[in-house]
Structure formats: C-alpha cells, structure tokens
C-alpha atoms as a PDB file:
ATOM      1  CA  MET A   1      45.458 132.856  85.479  1.00  0.00           C
ATOM      2  CA  GLU A   2      46.114 135.646  83.228  1.00  0.00           C
ATOM      3  CA  SER A   3      49.013 134.788  80.373  1.00  0.00           C
ATOM      4  CA  SER A   4      51.708 137.395  79.601  1.00  0.00           C
ATOM      5  CA  PRO A   5      52.348 137.797  76.186  1.00  0.00           C
ATOM      6  CA  ASN A   6      55.955 135.846  76.968  1.00  0.00           C
ATOM      7  CA  ASN A   7      54.215 132.674  77.756  1.00  0.00           C
ATOM      8  CA  ASN A   8      51.747 132.403  75.084  1.00  0.00           C
ATOM      9  CA  ARG A   9      52.985 129.572  72.626  1.00  0.00           C
ATOM     10  CA  THR A  10      51.202 131.032  69.479  1.00  0.00           C
ATOM     11  CA  GLN A  11      53.489 133.562  68.115  1.00  0.00           C
ATOM     12  CA  LEU A  12      51.875 136.392  66.545  1.00  0.00           C
ATOM     13  CA  ASP A  13      52.552 138.885  63.900  1.00  0.00           C
ATOM     14  CA  GLN A  14      52.469 142.318  64.003  1.00  0.00           C
ATOM     15  CA  ASN A  15      48.562 142.483  62.656  1.00  0.00           C
ATOM     16  CA  GLY A  16      47.759 139.953  65.298  1.00  0.00           C
ATOM     17  CA  HIS A  17      47.461 136.569  63.340  1.00  0.00           C
ATOM     18  CA  PRO A  18      49.700 133.576  63.994  1.00  0.00           C
ATOM     19  CA  SER A  19      53.078 133.571  62.490  1.00  0.00           C
ATOM     20  CA  SER A  20      54.707 131.962  59.368  1.00  0.00           C
ATOM     21  CA  ILE A  21      56.638 129.572  62.140  1.00  0.00           C
ATOM     22  CA  CYS A  22      53.282 128.747  63.894  1.00  0.00           C
ATOM     23  CA  VAL A  23      51.355 128.083  61.014  1.00  0.00           C
ATOM     24  CA  ASN A  24      54.284 126.114  59.085  1.00  0.00           C
ATOM     25  CA  TYR A  25      54.874 124.172  62.262  1.00  0.00           C
ATOM     26  CA  GLN A  26      51.211 123.328  62.438  1.00  0.00           C
ATOM     27  CA  LYS A  27      51.257 122.066  58.514  1.00  0.00           C
ATOM     28  CA  THR A  28      54.298 120.159  59.267  1.00  0.00           C
ATOM     29  CA  ILE A  29      52.927 118.113  62.066  1.00  0.00           C
ATOM     30  CA  GLU A  30      49.820 117.606  59.982  1.00  0.00           C
ATOM     31  CA  PHE A  31      51.647 116.363  57.213  1.00  0.00           C
ATOM     32  CA  ILE A  32      54.199 114.165  58.685  1.00  0.00           C
ATOM     33  CA  GLY A  33      51.304 112.805  61.076  1.00  0.00           C
ATOM     34  CA  GLN A  34      49.193 111.378  57.586  1.00  0.00           C
ATOM     35  CA  LYS A  35      48.829 107.874  57.978  1.00  0.00           C
ATOM     36  CA  TRP A  36      52.198 106.380  56.920  1.00  0.00           C
ATOM     37  CA  VAL A  37      53.913 109.318  56.284  1.00  0.00           C
ATOM     38  CA  GLY A  38      56.312 108.609  59.573  1.00  0.00           C
ATOM     39  CA  MET A  39      56.921 104.963  59.065  1.00  0.00           C
ATOM     40  CA  ILE A  40      57.736 105.782  55.136  1.00  0.00           C
ATOM     41  CA  ILE A  41      60.337 108.467  56.281  1.00  0.00           C
ATOM     42  CA  TYR A  42      61.707 106.077  58.654  1.00  0.00           C
ATOM     43  CA  THR A  43      62.231 103.126  56.534  1.00  0.00           C
ATOM     44  CA  LEU A  44      64.123 105.535  53.924  1.00  0.00           C
ATOM     45  CA  LEU A  45      66.502 106.654  56.670  1.00  0.00           C
ATOM     46  CA  ASP A  46      68.988 103.783  56.065  1.00  0.00           C
ATOM     47  CA  GLY A  47      69.160 104.451  52.274  1.00  0.00           C
ATOM     48  CA  PRO A  48      67.474 104.374  48.955  1.00  0.00           C
ATOM     49  CA  LYS A  49      64.611 102.226  48.675  1.00  0.00           C
ATOM     50  CA  ARG A  50      62.865 100.524  45.407  1.00  0.00           C
ATOM     51  CA  TYR A  51      59.054 100.776  45.694  1.00  0.00           C
ATOM     52  CA  TYR A  52      58.775  96.801  46.196  1.00  0.00           C
ATOM     53  CA  GLU A  53      60.996  97.000  49.168  1.00  0.00           C
ATOM     54  CA  LEU A  54      58.863  99.489  50.698  1.00  0.00           C
ATOM     55  CA  MET A  55      55.936  97.304  50.118  1.00  0.00           C
ATOM     56  CA  GLU A  56      57.722  94.650  51.934  1.00  0.00           C
ATOM     57  CA  MET A  57      58.952  96.895  54.657  1.00  0.00           C
ATOM     58  CA  ILE A  58      55.946  98.875  55.736  1.00  0.00           C
ATOM     59  CA  GLU A  59      53.546  95.787  56.976  1.00  0.00           C
ATOM     60  CA  GLY A  60      50.144  96.667  56.265  1.00  0.00           C
ATOM     61  CA  ILE A  61      50.285  99.522  53.778  1.00  0.00           C
ATOM     62  CA  SER A  62      48.252  99.259  50.507  1.00  0.00           C
ATOM     63  CA  ASP A  63      49.500  99.684  47.560  1.00  0.00           C
ATOM     64  CA  ARG A  64      47.296 102.716  46.499  1.00  0.00           C
ATOM     65  CA  LEU A  65      48.278 104.499  49.456  1.00  0.00           C
ATOM     66  CA  LEU A  66      52.339 104.072  49.289  1.00  0.00           C
ATOM     67  CA  THR A  67      51.630 105.428  46.035  1.00  0.00           C
ATOM     68  CA  GLU A  68      49.923 108.261  46.912  1.00  0.00           C
ATOM     69  CA  ARG A  69      52.045 109.078  50.320  1.00  0.00           C
ATOM     70  CA  LEU A  70      55.348 108.389  47.936  1.00  0.00           C
ATOM     71  CA  ASN A  71      53.872 111.416  45.609  1.00  0.00           C
ATOM     72  CA  GLU A  72      53.267 113.614  48.693  1.00  0.00           C
ATOM     73  CA  LEU A  73      56.531 113.343  49.710  1.00  0.00           C
ATOM     74  CA  VAL A  74      58.241 113.950  46.574  1.00  0.00           C
ATOM     75  CA  LYS A  75      56.084 117.232  45.816  1.00  0.00           C
ATOM     76  CA  GLU A  76      56.914 118.350  49.262  1.00  0.00           C
ATOM     77  CA  GLY A  77      60.591 117.835  48.581  1.00  0.00           C
ATOM     78  CA  LEU A  78      61.332 115.560  51.206  1.00  0.00           C
ATOM     79  CA  VAL A  79      61.515 112.614  48.967  1.00  0.00           C
ATOM     80  CA  ARG A  80      63.504 112.135  45.780  1.00  0.00           C
ATOM     81  CA  LYS A  81      62.262 109.680  42.911  1.00  0.00           C
ATOM     82  CA  SER A  82      64.967 108.460  40.686  1.00  0.00           C
ATOM     83  CA  TYR A  83      65.287 106.160  37.807  1.00  0.00           C
ATOM     84  CA  LEU A  84      67.510 103.578  38.138  1.00  0.00           C
ATOM     85  CA  GLU A  85      70.264 103.335  35.056  1.00  0.00           C
ATOM     86  CA  GLY A  86      69.372 101.634  31.719  1.00  0.00           C
ATOM     87  CA  SER A  87      65.560 101.476  32.877  1.00  0.00           C
ATOM     88  CA  LEU A  88      62.526 103.773  32.025  1.00  0.00           C
ATOM     89  CA  LYS A  89      60.447 102.000  34.714  1.00  0.00           C
ATOM     90  CA  LYS A  90      62.642 100.734  37.579  1.00  0.00           C
ATOM     91  CA  VAL A  91      62.821 103.515  40.117  1.00  0.00           C
ATOM     92  CA  GLN A  92      64.006 104.078  43.743  1.00  0.00           C
ATOM     93  CA  TYR A  93      63.446 106.378  46.549  1.00  0.00           C
ATOM     94  CA  GLU A  94      65.644 108.380  48.867  1.00  0.00           C
ATOM     95  CA  LEU A  95      65.407 111.085  51.529  1.00  0.00           C
ATOM     96  CA  THR A  96      66.332 114.804  50.167  1.00  0.00           C
ATOM     97  CA  PRO A  97      68.442 116.377  52.432  1.00  0.00           C
ATOM     98  CA  ASN A  98      65.377 118.170  53.926  1.00  0.00           C
ATOM     99  CA  GLY A  99      64.106 114.766  54.254  1.00  0.00           C
ATOM    100  CA  LYS A 100      67.111 113.619  56.187  1.00  0.00           C
ATOM    101  CA  GLY A 101      66.574 116.765  58.355  1.00  0.00           C
ATOM    102  CA  LEU A 102      63.824 114.363  59.729  1.00  0.00           C
ATOM    103  CA  GLN A 103      66.061 112.059  61.341  1.00  0.00           C
ATOM    104  CA  ASP A 104      66.125 112.841  64.773  1.00  0.00           C
ATOM    105  CA  ILE A 105      62.378 113.689  65.102  1.00  0.00           C
ATOM    106  CA  ILE A 106      61.083 110.483  63.482  1.00  0.00           C
ATOM    107  CA  SER A 107      63.718 108.354  65.258  1.00  0.00           C
ATOM    108  CA  ALA A 108      62.916 110.031  68.574  1.00  0.00           C
ATOM    109  CA  ILE A 109      58.955 109.720  67.727  1.00  0.00           C
ATOM    110  CA  HIS A 110      59.701 105.956  66.764  1.00  0.00           C
ATOM    111  CA  LYS A 111      61.356 105.194  69.984  1.00  0.00           C
ATOM    112  CA  TRP A 112      58.765 107.243  72.205  1.00  0.00           C
ATOM    113  CA  VAL A 113      56.298 104.761  70.410  1.00  0.00           C
ATOM    114  CA  GLU A 114      58.567 101.773  71.449  1.00  0.00           C
ATOM    115  CA  GLN A 115      58.734 102.996  75.297  1.00  0.00           C
ATOM    116  CA  LYS A 116      55.313 103.645  75.172  1.00  0.00           C
ATOM    117  CA  ASP A 117      54.421  99.815  74.028  1.00  0.00           C
ATOM    118  CA  ILE A 118      56.754  98.412  76.413  1.00  0.00           C
ATOM    119  CA  LEU A 119      55.177 100.589  79.479  1.00  0.00           C
ATOM    120  CA  ASN A 120      51.543  99.664  78.213  1.00  0.00           C
ATOM    121  CA  LYS A 121      52.267  95.934  78.492  1.00  0.00           C
ATOM    122  CA  ARG A 122      53.076  96.306  82.042  1.00  0.00           C
END
C-alpha cells in the first residue's frame, strides 16, 4: 500500500529534510525520556522543592544522577534553581512556565503507567 504525502507523519521541509517541528519533537521526547527526568518534573508539579526533598520523594535516584538531571532541566529552561533568602547554600527547584506546560503530558503518562500496572497484575 502506497502512502500519500498527507498520511506521512514525518513532516518535510522544502528541501526534503525533516521539519524543525519533527526534529524538535524527537529531541523533546528523548530528553523527557531520560531516566528520572519525568519523575523529577512530576515531583515538582505540586510546587518548589529543596534538593533533599527531591531525594526523599524520588525513591531509588542517586545523588549524582539527581544533580545531573536537575542541571539539565535548568539548562533546558524547564526548572528554575533559586537560592533561599539569607543563604548562599540553600536552594530550591521549581518548574518554569515551560516546565509547567508539561503538566498534562507528564500527568497523563503517570496515569497510563498506573493503569498499565493494574492491568498487568490481573
């Protein structure tokens, strides 16, 4: 069966290369799909957290990996790192507006995983 251009999910630009939307979509999926990134975003959905709170709430994440992922999320503009008033060492992390924009997606994935786990236990 031949696919028509309208049925092709990969959008191509005028030179036949994948469009920036397609490329950016793939980069976003790969970034969010990194180990622990989704859980960090999910944990920050209900408000700012200190580092130790994230460590306590995300069972199984290592100190090194949490630090690495938080730095990546800050670099991508999804999380803001801010110093607490009166301290140069105490910081908290919170979602930026771009990070909060992932709420529906991350929540839907979390719900899907819970439902999948329930179905798999039957």
